[in-house]
Amino acid sequence: MLVTTILNNKTILVVEDEQNLLEAIERKLKKENVNVLTAKTGEEALAALEKQIADCKLSDTVFLGGYKKDAQTLLKAFDIFT
């Protein structure tokens, strides 16, 4: 699969507030040899990015309780750390 080839041995930050979905995404990506950082909140995502640089980020649009400013802060932080 092309996506798998592109992401092989890359690190993805997955931000998802629903635990079951977060775990399912993490399992699938790890099966494809993708390194996965996980976070349930914007604060956790920022902390994860401070510890390790991610090549890509995956998040839903309401993970921060609908606070657009926090989502923008996360995206800016990702750009700073990468």
N, C-alpha and C. Protein backbone atom coordinates (compact mmCIF):
# COMPACT_ATOMS: atom_id res chain seq x y z
N MET A 1 0.84 -1.18 0.00
CA MET A 1 0.00 0.00 0.00
C MET A 1 0.88 1.24 0.00
N LEU A 2 0.58 2.21 -0.85
CA LEU A 2 1.40 3.41 -0.99
C LEU A 2 1.49 4.21 0.29
N VAL A 3 0.36 4.37 0.98
CA VAL A 3 0.37 5.14 2.23
C VAL A 3 1.29 4.48 3.24
N THR A 4 1.23 3.17 3.34
CA THR A 4 2.08 2.44 4.27
C THR A 4 3.55 2.66 3.93
N THR A 5 3.89 2.62 2.66
CA THR A 5 5.26 2.82 2.24
C THR A 5 5.74 4.22 2.61
N ILE A 6 4.90 5.20 2.41
CA ILE A 6 5.27 6.59 2.71
C ILE A 6 5.45 6.79 4.21
N LEU A 7 4.61 6.17 5.01
CA LEU A 7 4.63 6.38 6.45
C LEU A 7 5.51 5.40 7.21
N ASN A 8 6.08 4.43 6.55
CA ASN A 8 6.91 3.44 7.21
C ASN A 8 8.03 4.12 7.99
N ASN A 9 8.11 3.80 9.28
CA ASN A 9 9.12 4.33 10.20
C ASN A 9 9.02 5.84 10.41
N LYS A 10 7.88 6.43 10.10
CA LYS A 10 7.63 7.83 10.40
C LYS A 10 6.89 7.90 11.74
N THR A 11 6.82 9.08 12.31
CA THR A 11 6.12 9.28 13.56
C THR A 11 4.89 10.16 13.33
N ILE A 12 3.75 9.67 13.79
CA ILE A 12 2.50 10.40 13.65
C ILE A 12 1.96 10.72 15.04
N LEU A 13 1.55 11.95 15.22
CA LEU A 13 0.86 12.36 16.44
C LEU A 13 -0.63 12.21 16.18
N VAL A 14 -1.28 11.35 16.96
CA VAL A 14 -2.72 11.15 16.84
C VAL A 14 -3.38 11.78 18.06
N VAL A 15 -4.28 12.73 17.81
CA VAL A 15 -4.99 13.41 18.89
C VAL A 15 -6.46 13.06 18.75
N GLU A 16 -6.98 12.36 19.73
CA GLU A 16 -8.37 11.90 19.69
C GLU A 16 -8.86 11.74 21.11
N ASP A 17 -10.00 12.36 21.42
CA ASP A 17 -10.51 12.30 22.79
C ASP A 17 -11.29 11.03 23.10
N GLU A 18 -11.69 10.29 22.10
CA GLU A 18 -12.40 9.03 22.33
C GLU A 18 -11.37 7.90 22.44
N GLN A 19 -11.24 7.34 23.64
CA GLN A 19 -10.20 6.35 23.93
C GLN A 19 -10.23 5.16 22.98
N ASN A 20 -11.42 4.60 22.72
CA ASN A 20 -11.51 3.42 21.85
C ASN A 20 -11.01 3.72 20.45
N LEU A 21 -11.38 4.87 19.92
CA LEU A 21 -10.94 5.26 18.59
C LEU A 21 -9.44 5.52 18.58
N LEU A 22 -8.95 6.18 19.61
CA LEU A 22 -7.51 6.44 19.71
C LEU A 22 -6.71 5.14 19.70
N GLU A 23 -7.17 4.18 20.48
CA GLU A 23 -6.46 2.89 20.55
C GLU A 23 -6.55 2.14 19.22
N ALA A 24 -7.69 2.20 18.55
CA ALA A 24 -7.85 1.51 17.27
C ALA A 24 -6.92 2.11 16.21
N ILE A 25 -6.85 3.42 16.16
CA ILE A 25 -5.95 4.08 15.21
C ILE A 25 -4.51 3.74 15.52
N GLU A 26 -4.16 3.78 16.79
CA GLU A 26 -2.79 3.45 17.20
C GLU A 26 -2.42 2.03 16.80
N ARG A 27 -3.30 1.07 17.07
CA ARG A 27 -3.03 -0.34 16.70
C ARG A 27 -2.81 -0.48 15.20
N LYS A 28 -3.69 0.13 14.41
CA LYS A 28 -3.59 0.01 12.95
C LYS A 28 -2.28 0.61 12.45
N LEU A 29 -1.93 1.77 12.93
CA LEU A 29 -0.70 2.40 12.47
C LEU A 29 0.54 1.61 12.89
N LYS A 30 0.54 1.10 14.11
CA LYS A 30 1.68 0.31 14.57
C LYS A 30 1.85 -0.96 13.75
N LYS A 31 0.74 -1.57 13.31
CA LYS A 31 0.82 -2.75 12.44
C LYS A 31 1.51 -2.41 11.13
N GLU A 32 1.42 -1.14 10.74
CA GLU A 32 2.02 -0.69 9.48
C GLU A 32 3.41 -0.08 9.69
N ASN A 33 4.03 -0.38 10.83
CA ASN A 33 5.38 0.09 11.16
C ASN A 33 5.48 1.62 11.25
N VAL A 34 4.43 2.21 11.77
CA VAL A 34 4.43 3.65 12.00
C VAL A 34 4.62 3.89 13.50
N ASN A 35 5.51 4.80 13.86
CA ASN A 35 5.67 5.19 15.25
C ASN A 35 4.53 6.13 15.60
N VAL A 36 3.89 5.90 16.73
CA VAL A 36 2.69 6.66 17.08
C VAL A 36 2.84 7.36 18.42
N LEU A 37 2.57 8.65 18.42
CA LEU A 37 2.42 9.42 19.65
C LEU A 37 0.93 9.64 19.81
N THR A 38 0.41 9.49 21.01
CA THR A 38 -1.01 9.68 21.21
C THR A 38 -1.27 10.75 22.26
N ALA A 39 -2.40 11.40 22.10
CA ALA A 39 -2.84 12.41 23.06
C ALA A 39 -4.35 12.49 23.01
N LYS A 40 -4.94 12.78 24.16
CA LYS A 40 -6.40 12.92 24.24
C LYS A 40 -6.82 14.39 24.29
N THR A 41 -5.89 15.27 24.57
CA THR A 41 -6.20 16.70 24.67
C THR A 41 -5.11 17.51 23.98
N GLY A 42 -5.40 18.77 23.77
CA GLY A 42 -4.40 19.65 23.19
C GLY A 42 -3.17 19.79 24.06
N GLU A 43 -3.39 19.82 25.35
CA GLU A 43 -2.26 19.94 26.28
C GLU A 43 -1.35 18.71 26.19
N GLU A 44 -1.97 17.53 26.12
CA GLU A 44 -1.18 16.30 25.98
C GLU A 44 -0.44 16.29 24.65
N ALA A 45 -1.06 16.80 23.61
CA ALA A 45 -0.42 16.85 22.30
C ALA A 45 0.81 17.74 22.32
N LEU A 46 0.68 18.90 22.94
CA LEU A 46 1.82 19.81 23.04
C LEU A 46 2.95 19.19 23.85
N ALA A 47 2.60 18.51 24.93
CA ALA A 47 3.62 17.84 25.75
C ALA A 47 4.32 16.75 24.95
N ALA A 48 3.57 16.01 24.15
CA ALA A 48 4.16 14.95 23.33
C ALA A 48 5.11 15.54 22.30
N LEU A 49 4.74 16.67 21.71
CA LEU A 49 5.60 17.30 20.71
C LEU A 49 6.87 17.88 21.32
N GLU A 50 6.81 18.24 22.58
CA GLU A 50 8.01 18.73 23.25
C GLU A 50 9.02 17.61 23.47
N LYS A 51 8.52 16.38 23.60
CA LYS A 51 9.39 15.22 23.85
C LYS A 51 9.91 14.59 22.57
N GLN A 52 9.10 14.61 21.52
CA GLN A 52 9.48 13.95 20.28
C GLN A 52 8.83 14.64 19.09
N ILE A 53 9.60 14.83 18.05
CA ILE A 53 9.08 15.46 16.84
C ILE A 53 8.25 14.45 16.06
N ALA A 54 7.11 14.91 15.56
CA ALA A 54 6.25 14.07 14.74
C ALA A 54 6.37 14.51 13.28
N ASP A 55 6.29 13.55 12.37
CA ASP A 55 6.34 13.86 10.95
C ASP A 55 4.98 14.29 10.43
N CYS A 56 3.94 13.90 11.16
CA CYS A 56 2.58 14.15 10.71
C CYS A 56 1.67 14.21 11.92
N LYS A 57 0.54 14.91 11.78
CA LYS A 57 -0.44 14.96 12.87
C LYS A 57 -1.79 14.53 12.34
N LEU A 58 -2.55 13.85 13.17
CA LEU A 58 -3.89 13.40 12.81
C LEU A 58 -4.79 13.73 13.98
N SER A 59 -5.81 14.52 13.74
CA SER A 59 -6.72 14.87 14.83
C SER A 59 -8.11 15.15 14.28
N ASP A 60 -9.10 15.01 15.16
CA ASP A 60 -10.44 15.41 14.75
C ASP A 60 -10.58 16.90 15.05
N THR A 61 -11.65 17.50 14.60
CA THR A 61 -11.76 18.96 14.72
C THR A 61 -12.36 19.42 16.03
N VAL A 62 -12.85 18.50 16.83
CA VAL A 62 -13.48 18.91 18.09
C VAL A 62 -12.78 18.32 19.31
N PHE A 63 -11.57 17.85 19.16
CA PHE A 63 -10.90 17.18 20.27
C PHE A 63 -10.60 18.12 21.43
N LEU A 64 -10.61 19.41 21.17
CA LEU A 64 -10.31 20.36 22.23
C LEU A 64 -11.58 21.00 22.78
N GLY A 65 -12.67 20.31 22.68
CA GLY A 65 -13.91 20.84 23.21
C GLY A 65 -14.46 21.98 22.37
N GLY A 66 -14.05 22.06 21.13
CA GLY A 66 -14.57 23.08 20.25
C GLY A 66 -13.86 24.41 20.33
N TYR A 67 -12.78 24.50 21.07
CA TYR A 67 -12.06 25.76 21.19
C TYR A 67 -11.10 25.90 20.02
N LYS A 68 -11.50 26.67 19.04
CA LYS A 68 -10.71 26.83 17.83
C LYS A 68 -9.33 27.41 18.13
N LYS A 69 -9.25 28.33 19.07
CA LYS A 69 -7.97 28.94 19.43
C LYS A 69 -6.98 27.88 19.88
N ASP A 70 -7.42 26.92 20.70
CA ASP A 70 -6.52 25.86 21.16
C ASP A 70 -6.07 24.98 20.00
N ALA A 71 -6.95 24.70 19.08
CA ALA A 71 -6.58 23.90 17.91
C ALA A 71 -5.54 24.64 17.08
N GLN A 72 -5.72 25.94 16.90
CA GLN A 72 -4.75 26.73 16.15
C GLN A 72 -3.41 26.75 16.87
N THR A 73 -3.44 26.82 18.19
CA THR A 73 -2.19 26.80 18.96
C THR A 73 -1.45 25.49 18.74
N LEU A 74 -2.19 24.38 18.74
CA LEU A 74 -1.57 23.08 18.51
C LEU A 74 -0.94 23.02 17.12
N LEU A 75 -1.65 23.50 16.12
CA LEU A 75 -1.12 23.46 14.76
C LEU A 75 0.13 24.33 14.63
N LYS A 76 0.12 25.50 15.27
CA LYS A 76 1.31 26.36 15.25
C LYS A 76 2.47 25.67 15.96
N ALA A 77 2.20 25.03 17.08
CA ALA A 77 3.25 24.33 17.82
C ALA A 77 3.82 23.21 16.98
N PHE A 78 2.96 22.49 16.28
CA PHE A 78 3.46 21.41 15.42
C PHE A 78 4.43 21.97 14.39
N ASP A 79 4.08 23.12 13.79
CA ASP A 79 4.96 23.73 12.79
C ASP A 79 6.29 24.16 13.42
N ILE A 80 6.25 24.61 14.66
CA ILE A 80 7.48 25.03 15.34
C ILE A 80 8.37 23.83 15.62
N PHE A 81 7.77 22.74 16.09
CA PHE A 81 8.55 21.57 16.49
C PHE A 81 9.03 20.73 15.31
N THR A 82 8.46 20.94 14.12
CA THR A 82 8.85 20.10 12.97
C THR A 82 9.60 20.89 11.95
